[in-house]
Amino acid sequence: MWFVDAIRGLMRPLITAYLLILATFVTLNISRHLGGVGALSPVDLMILYKEAIAHMLFLTTTAVTWWFGSRPSSLRQLKRQ
């Protein structure tokens, strides 16, 4: 059934978009209630900066690994035929 494959193909991008929107919403609300980045000390800003870089590197690594890991190799494609 083509529509089942279409729905399955849309789930990962939809879930990703939903989580990005949710994370942005939560972050903006927390920032607004706490007074924004200006309320943080330089030490706290450096910790936040280091954490953001570490998380971005982790997410990038995970996304690239997932992307290339989920693609079938040419050998597996030949065996299916």
Protein backbone atom coordinates (compact mmCIF):
# COMPACT_ATOMS: atom_id res chain seq x y z
CA MET A 1 0.00 0.00 0.00
CA TRP A 2 1.57 3.26 -1.14
CA PHE A 3 -0.11 5.43 1.51
CA VAL A 4 1.30 3.31 4.34
CA ASP A 5 4.79 3.82 2.94
CA ALA A 6 4.08 7.55 2.57
CA ILE A 7 2.92 7.83 6.18
CA ARG A 8 5.91 5.85 7.40
CA GLY A 9 8.24 8.06 5.36
CA LEU A 10 6.72 11.20 6.88
CA MET A 11 6.92 10.10 10.51
CA ARG A 12 10.62 10.84 11.10
CA PRO A 13 10.49 14.38 9.64
CA LEU A 14 7.19 15.14 11.42
CA ILE A 15 8.46 13.91 14.78
CA THR A 16 11.71 15.86 14.29
CA ALA A 17 9.85 19.07 13.42
CA TYR A 18 7.48 18.60 16.37
CA LEU A 19 10.35 18.10 18.82
CA LEU A 20 12.24 21.12 17.43
CA ILE A 21 9.16 23.32 17.79
CA LEU A 22 8.47 22.00 21.29
CA ALA A 23 12.09 22.48 22.42
CA THR A 24 12.12 26.04 21.02
CA PHE A 25 8.83 26.88 22.73
CA VAL A 26 9.99 25.54 26.10
CA THR A 27 13.38 27.27 25.82
CA LEU A 28 11.86 30.63 24.91
CA ASN A 29 9.35 30.44 27.76
CA ILE A 30 12.02 29.54 30.30
CA SER A 31 14.26 32.32 28.99
CA ARG A 32 11.42 34.84 29.21
CA HIS A 33 10.55 33.86 32.80
CA LEU A 34 14.17 33.93 33.98
CA GLY A 35 15.09 37.26 32.39
CA GLY A 36 16.94 36.03 29.32
CA VAL A 37 20.64 35.49 28.76
CA GLY A 38 21.45 38.85 30.35
CA ALA A 39 20.53 37.44 33.75
CA LEU A 40 23.37 34.88 33.60
CA SER A 41 26.87 35.41 34.93
CA PRO A 42 29.86 35.07 32.57
CA VAL A 43 30.70 31.71 34.16
CA ASP A 44 27.16 30.44 33.57
CA LEU A 45 27.27 31.72 29.98
CA MET A 46 30.52 29.82 29.35
CA ILE A 47 28.98 26.63 30.77
CA LEU A 48 25.89 27.14 28.60
CA TYR A 49 28.08 27.76 25.54
CA LYS A 50 30.12 24.58 26.15
CA GLU A 51 26.97 22.51 26.72
CA ALA A 52 25.35 23.86 23.54
CA ILE A 53 28.42 22.95 21.47
CA ALA A 54 28.62 19.47 23.02
CA HIS A 55 24.93 18.84 22.33
CA MET A 56 25.13 20.10 18.74
CA LEU A 57 28.12 17.84 18.06
CA PHE A 58 26.29 14.87 19.57
CA LEU A 59 23.14 15.55 17.53
CA THR A 60 25.14 16.03 14.34
CA THR A 61 27.01 12.77 14.89
CA THR A 62 23.77 10.95 15.66
CA ALA A 63 22.00 12.37 12.59
CA VAL A 64 24.85 11.53 10.22
CA THR A 65 25.24 8.03 11.69
CA TRP A 66 21.49 7.43 11.47
CA TRP A 67 21.33 8.73 7.91
CA PHE A 68 24.15 6.59 6.57
CA GLY A 69 23.36 3.65 8.83
CA SER A 70 19.76 3.45 7.63
CA ARG A 71 20.70 3.43 3.95
CA PRO A 72 21.01 -0.05 2.52
CA SER A 73 24.40 -0.89 1.08
CA SER A 74 24.67 -1.76 -2.59
CA LEU A 75 25.51 -5.34 -1.59
CA ARG A 76 22.27 -5.68 0.42
CA GLN A 77 20.30 -4.18 -2.45
CA LEU A 78 21.74 -6.73 -4.86
CA LYS A 79 20.88 -9.61 -2.49
CA ARG A 80 17.24 -8.45 -2.33
CA GLN A 81 16.87 -8.64 -6.10
